[in-house]
Protein backbone atom coordinates (compact mmCIF):
# COMPACT_ATOMS: atom_id res chain seq x y z
CA UNK A 1 0.00 -0.01 -0.01
CA UNK A 2 1.30 3.45 -0.72
CA UNK A 3 1.30 6.27 1.86
CA UNK A 4 -1.67 8.02 0.28
CA UNK A 5 -3.77 4.86 0.56
CA UNK A 6 -2.70 4.42 4.23
CA UNK A 7 -3.79 7.99 4.92
CA UNK A 8 -7.15 7.42 3.23
CA UNK A 9 -7.98 4.17 5.08
CA UNK A 10 -6.59 5.11 8.53
CA UNK A 11 -9.22 5.48 11.20
CA UNK A 12 -9.37 5.69 14.98
CA UNK A 13 -9.74 2.14 16.24
CA UNK A 14 -11.41 1.66 19.65
CA UNK A 15 -11.87 -2.12 19.65
CA UNK A 16 -8.91 -4.48 19.54
CA UNK A 17 -8.32 -8.21 19.12
CA UNK A 18 -6.26 -9.79 21.87
CA UNK A 19 -3.72 -11.09 19.34
CA UNK A 20 -0.21 -9.87 20.31
CA UNK A 21 1.88 -7.82 17.92
CA UNK A 22 4.98 -9.72 16.78
CA UNK A 23 8.19 -8.13 18.11
CA UNK A 24 9.76 -7.70 14.71
CA UNK A 25 6.65 -5.92 13.43
CA UNK A 26 6.56 -3.64 16.48
CA UNK A 27 10.24 -2.75 16.00
CA UNK A 28 9.63 -2.04 12.28
CA UNK A 29 6.82 0.35 13.16
CA UNK A 30 8.83 2.05 15.91
CA UNK A 31 11.68 2.57 13.47
CA UNK A 32 9.46 4.95 11.50
CA UNK A 33 9.37 7.26 14.54
CA UNK A 34 13.16 7.25 14.62
CA UNK A 35 13.14 8.40 10.97
CA UNK A 36 10.79 11.33 11.59
CA UNK A 37 11.99 14.86 11.06
CA UNK A 38 12.51 17.20 14.02
CA UNK A 39 13.44 20.84 14.49
CA UNK A 40 17.20 21.18 14.28
CA UNK A 41 17.34 17.33 14.22
CA UNK A 42 17.08 17.52 18.03
CA UNK A 43 14.99 14.31 18.15
CA UNK A 44 13.50 15.21 21.54
CA UNK A 45 11.29 12.13 21.67
CA UNK A 46 11.18 9.05 23.80
CA UNK A 47 8.57 6.31 23.33
CA UNK A 48 7.49 3.91 26.04
CA UNK A 49 5.90 0.68 24.81
CA UNK A 50 3.44 -0.51 27.43
CA UNK A 51 2.09 -4.02 27.09
CA UNK A 52 1.57 -4.72 30.80
CA UNK A 53 -2.17 -5.39 31.30
CA UNK A 54 -2.40 -3.68 34.71
CA UNK A 55 -0.74 -0.49 33.42
CA UNK A 56 -3.01 -0.45 30.34
CA UNK A 57 -6.04 -0.91 32.57
CA UNK A 58 -4.90 1.95 34.72
CA UNK A 59 -4.67 4.25 31.65
CA UNK A 60 -8.11 3.03 30.55
CA UNK A 61 -9.65 4.68 33.62
CA UNK A 62 -9.43 8.09 31.89
CA UNK A 63 -12.73 9.37 30.56
CA UNK A 64 -12.23 8.68 26.87
CA UNK A 65 -9.67 5.87 27.06
CA UNK A 66 -11.66 2.77 27.99
CA UNK A 67 -10.40 0.86 24.94
CA UNK A 68 -6.79 1.10 26.19
CA UNK A 69 -7.39 -1.98 28.38
CA UNK A 70 -7.98 -4.23 25.33
CA UNK A 71 -5.32 -2.74 23.06
CA UNK A 72 -2.29 -5.05 23.37
CA UNK A 73 0.13 -2.09 23.23
CA UNK A 74 0.04 1.52 24.30
CA UNK A 75 2.82 3.73 23.04
CA UNK A 76 3.46 6.74 25.27
CA UNK A 77 4.99 9.57 23.31
CA UNK A 78 7.18 11.83 25.44
CA UNK A 79 9.14 14.94 24.53
CA UNK A 80 12.23 16.31 26.28
CA UNK A 81 11.35 19.96 26.94
CA UNK A 82 15.02 20.73 27.83
CA UNK A 83 16.31 19.50 24.46
CA UNK A 84 13.66 21.33 22.40
CA UNK A 85 11.56 23.66 24.56
CA UNK A 86 9.67 25.21 21.65
CA UNK A 87 9.24 22.23 19.34
CA UNK A 88 9.18 18.96 21.36
CA UNK A 89 5.39 18.71 21.08
CA UNK A 90 5.38 19.13 17.29
CA UNK A 91 8.31 16.74 16.83
CA UNK A 92 6.80 14.01 18.99
CA UNK A 93 3.47 14.41 17.19
CA UNK A 94 5.10 14.02 13.78
CA UNK A 95 6.89 10.88 14.96
CA UNK A 96 3.67 9.42 16.41
CA UNK A 97 1.92 10.03 13.11
CA UNK A 98 4.67 8.11 11.35
CA UNK A 99 3.83 5.22 13.71
CA UNK A 100 0.13 5.55 12.88
CA UNK A 101 0.71 5.36 9.12
CA UNK A 102 3.24 2.50 9.39
CA UNK A 103 0.79 0.56 11.60
CA UNK A 104 -2.04 1.15 9.13
CA UNK A 105 0.20 -0.11 6.32
CA UNK A 106 0.83 -3.32 8.34
CA UNK A 107 -2.91 -3.98 9.01
CA UNK A 108 -2.83 -2.68 12.59
CA UNK A 109 -5.18 -0.12 14.09
CA UNK A 110 -4.36 2.88 16.24
CA UNK A 111 -6.08 5.56 18.22
CA UNK A 112 -4.67 8.79 19.55
CA UNK A 113 -5.38 9.15 23.27
CA UNK A 114 -5.34 12.62 24.74
CA UNK A 115 -7.45 11.72 27.75
CA UNK A 116 -4.89 10.88 30.45
CA UNK A 117 -3.63 12.17 33.77
CA UNK A 118 -0.05 13.19 33.04
CA UNK A 119 1.06 12.88 36.67
CA UNK A 120 -0.41 9.40 36.95
CA UNK A 121 1.19 8.19 33.69
CA UNK A 122 4.47 9.85 34.70
CA UNK A 123 4.48 8.04 38.09
CA UNK A 124 3.35 4.71 36.63
CA UNK A 125 6.15 4.71 34.06
CA UNK A 126 8.88 6.53 36.02
CA UNK A 127 9.16 9.32 33.46
CA UNK A 128 11.77 11.97 34.32
CA UNK A 129 10.61 15.53 34.96
CA UNK A 130 12.21 17.03 31.84
CA UNK A 131 9.92 14.89 29.66
CA UNK A 132 6.33 15.92 28.90
CA UNK A 133 3.80 13.34 27.82
CA UNK A 134 2.41 14.47 24.49
CA UNK A 135 -0.01 11.63 23.75
CA UNK A 136 -0.76 7.97 24.21
CA UNK A 137 -1.28 5.81 21.14
CA UNK A 138 -3.30 2.58 21.32
CA UNK A 139 -1.96 -0.04 18.88
CA UNK A 140 -3.25 -3.46 17.93
CA UNK A 141 -5.20 -5.59 15.50
CA UNK A 142 -8.65 -4.10 14.98
CA UNK A 143 -11.68 -6.07 16.19
CA UNK A 144 -14.97 -5.69 14.38
CA UNK A 145 -17.37 -3.72 16.50
CA UNK A 146 -20.51 -1.82 15.68
CA UNK A 147 -19.64 1.74 16.53
CA UNK A 148 -22.89 3.68 16.47
CA UNK A 149 -21.31 6.88 17.79
CA UNK A 150 -18.73 6.93 15.00
CA UNK A 151 -21.43 6.50 12.38
CA UNK A 152 -23.48 9.30 13.90
CA UNK A 153 -20.45 11.58 14.21
CA UNK A 154 -19.58 11.08 10.53
CA UNK A 155 -23.14 11.85 9.51
CA UNK A 156 -23.07 15.10 11.47
CA UNK A 157 -19.41 16.00 10.81
CA UNK A 158 -18.20 14.96 7.37
CA UNK A 159 -14.71 15.83 6.24
CA UNK A 160 -14.50 19.39 5.05
CA UNK A 161 -13.71 19.87 1.41
CA UNK A 162 -10.45 21.45 0.24
CA UNK A 163 -12.15 24.76 -0.57
CA UNK A 164 -13.05 25.08 3.10
CA UNK A 165 -9.58 24.45 4.49
CA UNK A 166 -7.13 25.77 1.86
CA UNK A 167 -6.32 29.34 0.81
CA UNK A 168 -3.71 30.46 -1.70
CA UNK A 169 -1.14 33.19 -0.98
CA UNK A 170 -3.33 34.70 1.76
CA UNK A 171 -6.15 33.62 4.02
CA UNK A 172 -9.44 33.46 2.19
CA UNK A 173 -8.06 33.61 -1.35
CA UNK A 174 -9.65 30.63 -3.06
CA UNK A 175 -7.89 30.46 -6.43
CA UNK A 176 -4.39 29.37 -7.31
């Protein structure tokens, strides 16, 4: 599959099969984060792969993160604010999106998780104070599930068309 196809078929997966992710596949996907660009090539990221069931269940206690308990892996994306105070968040986000697209290409599902208690995750995973937690990323093989809320949300909020989100040369100019 090419990258454009992966972008088109990617979706937020909130139901996972219990099948474990093979180590070599996980390493291949993580390597894409290593290859991501960063401001000044500072590479301020650190990724914590969490497969421990108790830890995943702890993260699933957050309001919008219930599915984290069934995802076989949670990747915690952290950024070193000392190494790149202005750009760590952007750099970690780019690297996490590389993981999302690589996972999609390999038939895995992902879901960005922004609903977490940073202090609780920090304490659970012994994350040093100079690192900020940017996001959690659920990762695993998708399980078929009827998701009524997703269907309703897409009926109410379709993707905006390019004319609504793109301007040329200045904001609001609609022609090239």
